[in-house]
Amino acid sequence: MIKTIPSLLTPPEAEKVLASRLKTLRLLAGFKRSTLAKRAGVSEASLKRFENSGQVSLKNLLRLAYALGKLEEFSELFKQPEAASLAELKAHSGASIPKRGKI
């Protein structure tokens, strides 16, 4: 089983890794599917689908993570890059974020 999510994984492979991790956390917590589904406010069918196929909505994934005490792990996702120097920080502090992409 793959333990990490390196950038070489495809999205379907990453889905399956996350689903496997969630199932492992559920079992380590001693929860049946019905228990976790109820605590998270998701249907048991949605939880079963996620564990078996990796398919889940973002809303349900966040609810499941919250119910397992893992929501804070999402705080690093899409985090803005840190400035490498004081000059870079000053340059970016006054810059506005574009409203549209150029490419």
C-alpha atoms as a PDB file:
ATOM      1  CA  MET A   1       0.000   0.000   0.000  1.00  0.00           C
ATOM      2  CA  ILE A   2       1.205   3.524  -0.756  1.00  0.00           C
ATOM      3  CA  LYS A   3       1.904   5.446   2.479  1.00  0.00           C
ATOM      4  CA  THR A   4       2.405   8.967   1.097  1.00  0.00           C
ATOM      5  CA  ILE A   5       0.915  11.050  -1.671  1.00  0.00           C
ATOM      6  CA  PRO A   6       3.872  12.015  -3.840  1.00  0.00           C
ATOM      7  CA  SER A   7       3.289  14.167  -6.866  1.00  0.00           C
ATOM      8  CA  LEU A   8       3.670  11.116  -9.105  1.00  0.00           C
ATOM      9  CA  LEU A   9       0.232   9.813  -8.152  1.00  0.00           C
ATOM     10  CA  THR A  10      -2.669  10.421 -10.469  1.00  0.00           C
ATOM     11  CA  PRO A  11      -5.885  11.846  -9.005  1.00  0.00           C
ATOM     12  CA  PRO A  12      -7.609   8.414  -9.014  1.00  0.00           C
ATOM     13  CA  GLU A  13      -4.630   6.893  -7.191  1.00  0.00           C
ATOM     14  CA  ALA A  14      -4.641   9.728  -4.639  1.00  0.00           C
ATOM     15  CA  GLU A  15      -8.385   9.178  -4.087  1.00  0.00           C
ATOM     16  CA  LYS A  16      -7.761   5.540  -3.227  1.00  0.00           C
ATOM     17  CA  VAL A  17      -4.879   6.393  -0.874  1.00  0.00           C
ATOM     18  CA  LEU A  18      -7.049   8.914   0.992  1.00  0.00           C
ATOM     19  CA  ALA A  19      -9.948   6.464   1.161  1.00  0.00           C
ATOM     20  CA  SER A  20      -7.678   3.765   2.573  1.00  0.00           C
ATOM     21  CA  ARG A  21      -6.275   6.162   5.166  1.00  0.00           C
ATOM     22  CA  LEU A  22      -9.747   7.235   6.250  1.00  0.00           C
ATOM     23  CA  LYS A  23     -10.892   3.635   6.574  1.00  0.00           C
ATOM     24  CA  THR A  24      -7.829   2.815   8.666  1.00  0.00           C
ATOM     25  CA  LEU A  25      -8.495   5.801  10.953  1.00  0.00           C
ATOM     26  CA  ARG A  26     -12.151   4.772  11.275  1.00  0.00           C
ATOM     27  CA  LEU A  27     -11.208   1.242  12.268  1.00  0.00           C
ATOM     28  CA  LEU A  28      -8.497   2.404  14.690  1.00  0.00           C
ATOM     29  CA  ALA A  29     -11.113   4.626  16.353  1.00  0.00           C
ATOM     30  CA  GLY A  30     -13.347   1.562  16.654  1.00  0.00           C
ATOM     31  CA  PHE A  31     -16.147   3.080  14.592  1.00  0.00           C
ATOM     32  CA  LYS A  32     -18.536   1.138  12.415  1.00  0.00           C
ATOM     33  CA  ARG A  33     -19.395   2.862   9.142  1.00  0.00           C
ATOM     34  CA  SER A  34     -22.784   3.782  10.531  1.00  0.00           C
ATOM     35  CA  THR A  35     -21.215   5.412  13.587  1.00  0.00           C
ATOM     36  CA  LEU A  36     -18.781   7.581  11.619  1.00  0.00           C
ATOM     37  CA  ALA A  37     -21.438   8.474   9.049  1.00  0.00           C
ATOM     38  CA  LYS A  38     -23.769   9.646  11.801  1.00  0.00           C
ATOM     39  CA  ARG A  39     -21.039  11.614  13.602  1.00  0.00           C
ATOM     40  CA  ALA A  40     -20.008  13.270  10.329  1.00  0.00           C
ATOM     41  CA  GLY A  41     -23.525  13.968   9.095  1.00  0.00           C
ATOM     42  CA  VAL A  42     -23.062  12.030   5.867  1.00  0.00           C
ATOM     43  CA  SER A  43     -24.979   9.069   4.553  1.00  0.00           C
ATOM     44  CA  GLU A  44     -23.598   5.625   5.202  1.00  0.00           C
ATOM     45  CA  ALA A  45     -23.805   4.991   1.453  1.00  0.00           C
ATOM     46  CA  SER A  46     -21.545   7.997   0.772  1.00  0.00           C
ATOM     47  CA  LEU A  47     -19.009   6.751   3.306  1.00  0.00           C
ATOM     48  CA  LYS A  48     -19.101   3.239   1.834  1.00  0.00           C
ATOM     49  CA  ARG A  49     -18.660   4.650  -1.693  1.00  0.00           C
ATOM     50  CA  PHE A  50     -15.669   6.691  -0.554  1.00  0.00           C
ATOM     51  CA  GLU A  51     -13.997   3.783   1.214  1.00  0.00           C
ATOM     52  CA  ASN A  52     -14.542   1.453  -1.747  1.00  0.00           C
ATOM     53  CA  SER A  53     -13.864   3.740  -4.703  1.00  0.00           C
ATOM     54  CA  GLY A  54     -12.326   6.963  -3.400  1.00  0.00           C
ATOM     55  CA  GLN A  55     -15.249   8.981  -4.730  1.00  0.00           C
ATOM     56  CA  VAL A  56     -16.501  11.659  -2.297  1.00  0.00           C
ATOM     57  CA  SER A  57     -17.651  15.260  -2.414  1.00  0.00           C
ATOM     58  CA  LEU A  58     -15.398  17.876  -0.853  1.00  0.00           C
ATOM     59  CA  LYS A  59     -18.165  18.727   1.612  1.00  0.00           C
ATOM     60  CA  ASN A  60     -18.408  15.127   2.806  1.00  0.00           C
ATOM     61  CA  LEU A  61     -14.627  14.697   2.909  1.00  0.00           C
ATOM     62  CA  LEU A  62     -14.326  17.729   5.182  1.00  0.00           C
ATOM     63  CA  ARG A  63     -17.147  16.459   7.403  1.00  0.00           C
ATOM     64  CA  LEU A  64     -15.502  13.046   7.710  1.00  0.00           C
ATOM     65  CA  ALA A  65     -12.133  14.629   8.490  1.00  0.00           C
ATOM     66  CA  TYR A  66     -13.768  16.775  11.178  1.00  0.00           C
ATOM     67  CA  ALA A  67     -15.474  13.763  12.754  1.00  0.00           C
ATOM     68  CA  LEU A  68     -12.104  11.987  12.941  1.00  0.00           C
ATOM     69  CA  GLY A  69     -10.283  15.026  14.339  1.00  0.00           C
ATOM     70  CA  LYS A  70      -8.233  15.530  11.167  1.00  0.00           C
ATOM     71  CA  LEU A  71      -9.717  18.719   9.724  1.00  0.00           C
ATOM     72  CA  GLU A  72      -6.634  20.774  10.652  1.00  0.00           C
ATOM     73  CA  GLU A  73      -4.595  18.719   8.169  1.00  0.00           C
ATOM     74  CA  PHE A  74      -6.359  20.593   5.363  1.00  0.00           C
ATOM     75  CA  SER A  75      -4.812  23.892   6.512  1.00  0.00           C
ATOM     76  CA  GLU A  76      -1.698  23.262   4.391  1.00  0.00           C
ATOM     77  CA  LEU A  77      -3.692  22.638   1.215  1.00  0.00           C
ATOM     78  CA  PHE A  78      -3.374  25.457  -1.358  1.00  0.00           C
ATOM     79  CA  LYS A  79      -1.260  27.475   1.076  1.00  0.00           C
ATOM     80  CA  GLN A  80       0.330  30.591  -0.398  1.00  0.00           C
ATOM     81  CA  PRO A  81       4.108  30.294  -0.925  1.00  0.00           C
ATOM     82  CA  GLU A  82       6.264  31.969   1.694  1.00  0.00           C
ATOM     83  CA  ALA A  83       8.586  34.822   0.749  1.00  0.00           C
ATOM     84  CA  ALA A  84      12.246  33.812   0.461  1.00  0.00           C
ATOM     85  CA  SER A  85      13.541  37.227   1.499  1.00  0.00           C
ATOM     86  CA  LEU A  86      12.442  40.477   3.090  1.00  0.00           C
ATOM     87  CA  ALA A  87      12.615  42.189  -0.310  1.00  0.00           C
ATOM     88  CA  GLU A  88      10.321  39.562  -1.821  1.00  0.00           C
ATOM     89  CA  LEU A  89       7.896  39.964   1.077  1.00  0.00           C
ATOM     90  CA  LYS A  90       7.797  43.736   0.590  1.00  0.00           C
ATOM     91  CA  ALA A  91       7.328  43.354  -3.178  1.00  0.00           C
ATOM     92  CA  HIS A  92       4.393  40.980  -2.738  1.00  0.00           C
ATOM     93  CA  SER A  93       2.739  42.812   0.150  1.00  0.00           C
ATOM     94  CA  GLY A  94       1.610  45.707  -2.044  1.00  0.00           C
ATOM     95  CA  ALA A  95       0.852  43.615  -5.126  1.00  0.00           C
ATOM     96  CA  SER A  96      -2.752  42.804  -5.882  1.00  0.00           C
ATOM     97  CA  ILE A  97      -3.898  39.338  -6.839  1.00  0.00           C
ATOM     98  CA  PRO A  98      -5.105  39.159 -10.449  1.00  0.00           C
ATOM     99  CA  LYS A  99      -8.816  38.545 -10.935  1.00  0.00           C
ATOM    100  CA  ARG A 100      -8.250  36.353 -14.022  1.00  0.00           C
ATOM    101  CA  GLY A 101      -5.573  34.113 -15.439  1.00  0.00           C
ATOM    102  CA  LYS A 102      -3.648  35.113 -18.559  1.00  0.00           C
ATOM    103  CA  ILE A 103      -3.086  31.738 -20.159  1.00  0.00           C
END
